[in-house]
């Protein structure tokens, strides 16, 4: 193999590697964008879950208060019947 053949093959190899690196850079950029989208989605989902769980806790507390009131009313009726 002559020096010029070697350099020609080496240059072709460099061109192929540049193309491969460009593809890898594009994939990395896409990956970063997807990660940012996923972080935003996760943050939004977490915020929504916190709101729903807060409302559920409030509703449970209200139901608990109602159950206590009903129990108290029932006990009052039973006491009255005695």
Protein backbone atom coordinates (compact mmCIF):
# COMPACT_ATOMS: atom_id res chain seq x y z
CA UNK A 1 0.00 0.00 0.00
CA UNK A 2 1.42 3.33 -0.96
CA UNK A 3 1.37 6.37 1.25
CA UNK A 4 -1.22 8.08 -0.93
CA UNK A 5 -3.50 5.02 -0.77
CA UNK A 6 -3.12 4.92 2.99
CA UNK A 7 -3.92 8.62 3.31
CA UNK A 8 -6.91 8.24 0.99
CA UNK A 9 -8.31 5.36 3.08
CA UNK A 10 -7.52 7.24 6.27
CA UNK A 11 -9.36 10.33 4.99
CA UNK A 12 -12.37 8.20 4.03
CA UNK A 13 -12.34 6.72 7.51
CA UNK A 14 -12.25 10.22 9.04
CA UNK A 15 -15.23 11.27 6.88
CA UNK A 16 -17.21 8.19 8.03
CA UNK A 17 -16.34 8.89 11.66
CA UNK A 18 -17.42 12.53 11.29
CA UNK A 19 -20.78 11.33 9.97
CA UNK A 20 -21.12 8.86 12.83
CA UNK A 21 -20.25 11.53 15.39
CA UNK A 22 -22.83 13.88 13.90
CA UNK A 23 -25.45 11.16 14.31
CA UNK A 24 -24.37 10.55 17.90
CA UNK A 25 -24.52 14.28 18.66
CA UNK A 26 -28.06 14.40 17.25
CA UNK A 27 -29.10 11.45 19.40
CA UNK A 28 -27.58 13.08 22.48
CA UNK A 29 -29.45 16.32 21.76
CA UNK A 30 -32.70 14.38 21.33
CA UNK A 31 -32.01 12.50 24.56
CA UNK A 32 -31.49 15.77 26.46
CA UNK A 33 -34.75 17.15 25.05
CA UNK A 34 -36.61 13.98 26.04
CA UNK A 35 -35.15 14.15 29.55
CA UNK A 36 -36.28 17.77 29.88
CA UNK A 37 -39.78 16.80 28.69
CA UNK A 38 -39.85 13.90 31.13
CA UNK A 39 -38.77 16.15 34.01
CA UNK A 40 -41.53 18.63 33.17
CA UNK A 41 -44.10 15.83 32.87
CA UNK A 42 -42.99 14.27 36.18
CA UNK A 43 -43.11 17.64 37.91
CA UNK A 44 -46.61 18.33 36.58
CA UNK A 45 -47.79 14.85 37.54
CA UNK A 46 -46.36 15.23 41.04
CA UNK A 47 -48.06 18.60 41.47
CA UNK A 48 -51.40 17.18 40.34
CA UNK A 49 -51.03 14.18 42.66
CA UNK A 50 -50.29 16.46 45.59
CA UNK A 51 -53.46 18.45 44.87
CA UNK A 52 -55.59 15.31 44.57
CA UNK A 53 -54.09 13.74 47.70
CA UNK A 54 -54.66 16.97 49.61
CA UNK A 55 -58.31 16.99 48.53
CA UNK A 56 -58.66 13.32 49.47
CA UNK A 57 -57.19 13.96 52.92
CA UNK A 58 -59.57 16.88 53.38
CA UNK A 59 -62.54 14.75 52.29
CA UNK A 60 -61.48 11.93 54.62
CA UNK A 61 -61.23 14.36 57.51
CA UNK A 62 -64.70 15.66 56.67
CA UNK A 63 -66.10 12.12 56.45
CA UNK A 64 -64.47 11.29 59.77
CA UNK A 65 -66.10 14.34 61.35
CA UNK A 66 -69.47 13.33 59.89
CA UNK A 67 -69.09 9.77 61.17
CA UNK A 68 -68.32 11.12 64.66
CA UNK A 69 -71.38 13.39 64.51
CA UNK A 70 -73.60 10.52 63.37
CA UNK A 71 -72.22 8.27 66.11
CA UNK A 72 -72.81 10.99 68.68
CA UNK A 73 -76.38 11.51 67.44
CA UNK A 74 -77.05 7.77 67.55
CA UNK A 75 -75.66 7.52 71.07
CA UNK A 76 -77.86 10.46 72.10
CA UNK A 77 -80.95 8.72 70.71
CA UNK A 78 -80.00 5.50 72.48
CA UNK A 79 -79.46 7.38 75.74
CA UNK A 80 -82.87 9.05 75.31
CA UNK A 81 -84.52 5.66 74.72
CA UNK A 82 -83.06 4.34 77.96
